[in-house]
Amino acid sequence: MLKVLVADDQDHTRQLYSLMLSAYDCEILEAVTGRQALSLAKEHRPELIILDHNMPELTGYEVIQEIRKDDGLKKIPVILITGKDFDAGFKEWIKLDVGEFMAKPFTVDDLVKAMEKILRGPLPLKT
């Protein structure tokens, strides 16, 4: 089972991610704030983090900076999500810390492809 931390302050968005991944063998951990995302990452050590950039308490990028400082977390791949396109300068600035960028809205296929790319293989299907 793939452990995925989904961090977004919008309830409906977190529910949508869970629905999008319902065909796959994933344990979904949910965080509402940047601080909660960091705490859950430390506690559960997910294999992937899907992180909204615009989060309360800590932005997505601030969460990533903290994760990259922690030896136990720094290798966890991150997909950073935003409600608008990232400009080229922003992507260049954080490219070493983020595996993938995605702008809302996106499809299930877009999300799965990004996850498979970052994890270097297919997502496990539920049996």
C-alpha atoms as a PDB file:
ATOM      1  CA  MET A   1       0.000   0.000   0.000  1.00  0.00           C
ATOM      2  CA  LEU A   2       1.306   3.419  -1.012  1.00  0.00           C
ATOM      3  CA  LYS A   3       1.152   6.013   1.779  1.00  0.00           C
ATOM      4  CA  VAL A   4       0.304   9.463   0.370  1.00  0.00           C
ATOM      5  CA  LEU A   5       0.031  12.698   2.340  1.00  0.00           C
ATOM      6  CA  VAL A   6      -2.471  15.107   0.757  1.00  0.00           C
ATOM      7  CA  ALA A   7      -2.215  18.653   2.129  1.00  0.00           C
ATOM      8  CA  ASP A   8      -4.797  21.220   1.081  1.00  0.00           C
ATOM      9  CA  ASP A   9      -6.844  23.629   3.199  1.00  0.00           C
ATOM     10  CA  GLN A  10     -10.002  22.987   1.133  1.00  0.00           C
ATOM     11  CA  ASP A  11     -12.046  19.980   2.336  1.00  0.00           C
ATOM     12  CA  HIS A  12     -13.576  19.374  -1.083  1.00  0.00           C
ATOM     13  CA  THR A  13     -10.145  19.330  -2.732  1.00  0.00           C
ATOM     14  CA  ARG A  14      -8.783  16.725  -0.297  1.00  0.00           C
ATOM     15  CA  GLN A  15     -11.921  14.643  -0.872  1.00  0.00           C
ATOM     16  CA  LEU A  16     -11.451  14.968  -4.619  1.00  0.00           C
ATOM     17  CA  TYR A  17      -7.858  13.681  -4.389  1.00  0.00           C
ATOM     18  CA  SER A  18      -9.063  10.702  -2.351  1.00  0.00           C
ATOM     19  CA  LEU A  19     -11.730  10.006  -4.958  1.00  0.00           C
ATOM     20  CA  MET A  20      -9.205  10.371  -7.789  1.00  0.00           C
ATOM     21  CA  LEU A  21      -6.973   7.771  -6.119  1.00  0.00           C
ATOM     22  CA  SER A  22      -9.759   5.411  -4.995  1.00  0.00           C
ATOM     23  CA  ALA A  23      -8.902   2.780  -7.640  1.00  0.00           C
ATOM     24  CA  TYR A  24      -5.346   2.553  -6.335  1.00  0.00           C
ATOM     25  CA  ASP A  25      -3.990   0.854  -3.232  1.00  0.00           C
ATOM     26  CA  CYS A  26      -3.217   4.067  -1.372  1.00  0.00           C
ATOM     27  CA  GLU A  27      -3.482   5.098   2.242  1.00  0.00           C
ATOM     28  CA  ILE A  28      -4.384   8.785   2.174  1.00  0.00           C
ATOM     29  CA  LEU A  29      -3.309  11.011   5.061  1.00  0.00           C
ATOM     30  CA  GLU A  30      -4.947  14.444   5.070  1.00  0.00           C
ATOM     31  CA  ALA A  31      -3.581  17.767   6.317  1.00  0.00           C
ATOM     32  CA  VAL A  32      -5.461  21.074   6.438  1.00  0.00           C
ATOM     33  CA  THR A  33      -2.546  23.402   7.274  1.00  0.00           C
ATOM     34  CA  GLY A  34       1.127  23.549   6.441  1.00  0.00           C
ATOM     35  CA  ARG A  35       2.072  22.824  10.073  1.00  0.00           C
ATOM     36  CA  GLN A  36      -0.216  19.793  10.146  1.00  0.00           C
ATOM     37  CA  ALA A  37       1.330  18.540   6.886  1.00  0.00           C
ATOM     38  CA  LEU A  38       4.798  18.780   8.399  1.00  0.00           C
ATOM     39  CA  SER A  39       3.669  17.037  11.592  1.00  0.00           C
ATOM     40  CA  LEU A  40       1.965  14.191   9.686  1.00  0.00           C
ATOM     41  CA  ALA A  41       5.012  13.767   7.447  1.00  0.00           C
ATOM     42  CA  LYS A  42       7.238  13.396  10.509  1.00  0.00           C
ATOM     43  CA  GLU A  43       4.843  10.997  12.215  1.00  0.00           C
ATOM     44  CA  HIS A  44       3.881   8.757   9.262  1.00  0.00           C
ATOM     45  CA  ARG A  45       6.762   9.045   6.747  1.00  0.00           C
ATOM     46  CA  PRO A  46       4.628   8.946   3.572  1.00  0.00           C
ATOM     47  CA  GLU A  47       6.098   7.751   0.301  1.00  0.00           C
ATOM     48  CA  LEU A  48       4.702  10.790  -1.544  1.00  0.00           C
ATOM     49  CA  ILE A  49       3.371  14.224  -0.605  1.00  0.00           C
ATOM     50  CA  ILE A  50       0.793  16.114  -2.672  1.00  0.00           C
ATOM     51  CA  LEU A  51       1.006  19.645  -1.339  1.00  0.00           C
ATOM     52  CA  ASP A  52      -0.994  22.750  -2.142  1.00  0.00           C
ATOM     53  CA  HIS A  53       1.195  25.853  -2.367  1.00  0.00           C
ATOM     54  CA  ASN A  54      -1.339  28.234  -0.792  1.00  0.00           C
ATOM     55  CA  MET A  55      -1.740  26.805   2.723  1.00  0.00           C
ATOM     56  CA  PRO A  56      -2.443  28.458   6.089  1.00  0.00           C
ATOM     57  CA  GLU A  57       0.265  28.653   8.780  1.00  0.00           C
ATOM     58  CA  LEU A  58       3.072  27.551   6.424  1.00  0.00           C
ATOM     59  CA  THR A  59       2.993  27.804   2.626  1.00  0.00           C
ATOM     60  CA  GLY A  60       3.612  24.690   0.598  1.00  0.00           C
ATOM     61  CA  TYR A  61       7.120  25.850  -0.166  1.00  0.00           C
ATOM     62  CA  GLU A  62       7.835  26.557   3.527  1.00  0.00           C
ATOM     63  CA  VAL A  63       6.719  22.993   4.305  1.00  0.00           C
ATOM     64  CA  ILE A  64       9.060  21.697   1.608  1.00  0.00           C
ATOM     65  CA  GLN A  65      11.970  23.714   3.041  1.00  0.00           C
ATOM     66  CA  GLU A  66      11.380  22.128   6.464  1.00  0.00           C
ATOM     67  CA  ILE A  67      11.068  18.637   4.976  1.00  0.00           C
ATOM     68  CA  ARG A  68      14.349  19.035   3.102  1.00  0.00           C
ATOM     69  CA  LYS A  69      16.141  19.925   6.365  1.00  0.00           C
ATOM     70  CA  ASP A  70      15.024  16.668   8.029  1.00  0.00           C
ATOM     71  CA  ASP A  71      17.218  13.646   7.239  1.00  0.00           C
ATOM     72  CA  GLY A  72      14.269  11.287   7.731  1.00  0.00           C
ATOM     73  CA  LEU A  73      12.013  13.207   5.336  1.00  0.00           C
ATOM     74  CA  LYS A  74      14.221  14.903   2.778  1.00  0.00           C
ATOM     75  CA  LYS A  75      14.001  12.139   0.176  1.00  0.00           C
ATOM     76  CA  ILE A  76      10.187  12.043   0.125  1.00  0.00           C
ATOM     77  CA  PRO A  77       9.048  13.214  -3.322  1.00  0.00           C
ATOM     78  CA  VAL A  78       6.659  16.160  -3.462  1.00  0.00           C
ATOM     79  CA  ILE A  79       4.103  17.240  -6.036  1.00  0.00           C
ATOM     80  CA  LEU A  80       3.402  20.944  -5.524  1.00  0.00           C
ATOM     81  CA  ILE A  81      -0.082  22.102  -6.543  1.00  0.00           C
ATOM     82  CA  THR A  82      -1.240  25.643  -7.240  1.00  0.00           C
ATOM     83  CA  GLY A  83      -4.416  27.345  -8.366  1.00  0.00           C
ATOM     84  CA  LYS A  84      -2.480  29.172 -11.074  1.00  0.00           C
ATOM     85  CA  ASP A  85       0.475  28.449 -13.301  1.00  0.00           C
ATOM     86  CA  PHE A  86       3.920  28.790 -11.799  1.00  0.00           C
ATOM     87  CA  ASP A  87       6.069  31.223 -13.712  1.00  0.00           C
ATOM     88  CA  ALA A  88       9.420  30.044 -15.059  1.00  0.00           C
ATOM     89  CA  GLY A  89      11.367  31.972 -12.407  1.00  0.00           C
ATOM     90  CA  PHE A  90       9.492  30.321  -9.549  1.00  0.00           C
ATOM     91  CA  LYS A  91       9.973  26.863 -11.064  1.00  0.00           C
ATOM     92  CA  GLU A  92      13.701  27.511 -11.461  1.00  0.00           C
ATOM     93  CA  TRP A  93      13.949  28.766  -7.888  1.00  0.00           C
ATOM     94  CA  ILE A  94      12.502  25.626  -6.318  1.00  0.00           C
ATOM     95  CA  LYS A  95      13.215  22.937  -8.921  1.00  0.00           C
ATOM     96  CA  LEU A  96      15.637  21.059  -6.685  1.00  0.00           C
ATOM     97  CA  ASP A  97      13.029  20.678  -3.946  1.00  0.00           C
ATOM     98  CA  VAL A  98       9.952  19.646  -5.932  1.00  0.00           C
ATOM     99  CA  GLY A  99       9.491  16.569  -8.097  1.00  0.00           C
ATOM    100  CA  GLU A 100       6.499  17.867 -10.057  1.00  0.00           C
ATOM    101  CA  PHE A 101       4.394  21.022 -10.400  1.00  0.00           C
ATOM    102  CA  MET A 102       0.695  20.890 -11.213  1.00  0.00           C
ATOM    103  CA  ALA A 103      -1.762  23.714 -11.783  1.00  0.00           C
ATOM    104  CA  LYS A 104      -5.452  23.276 -10.907  1.00  0.00           C
ATOM    105  CA  PRO A 105      -7.613  22.054 -12.472  1.00  0.00           C
ATOM    106  CA  PHE A 106      -6.168  18.750 -13.599  1.00  0.00           C
ATOM    107  CA  THR A 107      -7.553  15.312 -14.425  1.00  0.00           C
ATOM    108  CA  VAL A 108      -7.160  11.975 -12.693  1.00  0.00           C
ATOM    109  CA  ASP A 109      -4.859  10.933 -15.537  1.00  0.00           C
ATOM    110  CA  ASP A 110      -2.698  14.038 -15.008  1.00  0.00           C
ATOM    111  CA  LEU A 111      -2.347  13.269 -11.298  1.00  0.00           C
ATOM    112  CA  VAL A 112      -1.631   9.575 -11.809  1.00  0.00           C
ATOM    113  CA  LYS A 113       0.967  10.316 -14.513  1.00  0.00           C
ATOM    114  CA  ALA A 114       2.718  12.813 -12.229  1.00  0.00           C
ATOM    115  CA  MET A 115       2.700  10.321  -9.359  1.00  0.00           C
ATOM    116  CA  GLU A 116       4.021   7.506 -11.544  1.00  0.00           C
ATOM    117  CA  LYS A 117       6.737   9.759 -12.933  1.00  0.00           C
ATOM    118  CA  ILE A 118       7.891  10.875  -9.513  1.00  0.00           C
ATOM    119  CA  LEU A 119       7.709   7.334  -8.073  1.00  0.00           C
ATOM    120  CA  ARG A 120       9.288   5.830 -11.198  1.00  0.00           C
ATOM    121  CA  GLY A 121       6.662   3.149 -11.709  1.00  0.00           C
ATOM    122  CA  PRO A 122       2.965   2.320 -11.841  1.00  0.00           C
ATOM    123  CA  LEU A 123       0.669   2.967  -8.900  1.00  0.00           C
ATOM    124  CA  PRO A 124      -0.515  -0.209  -7.178  1.00  0.00           C
ATOM    125  CA  LEU A 125      -4.121  -1.061  -8.037  1.00  0.00           C
ATOM    126  CA  LYS A 126      -6.558  -2.256  -5.387  1.00  0.00           C
ATOM    127  CA  THR A 127      -7.053  -5.981  -5.541  1.00  0.00           C
END
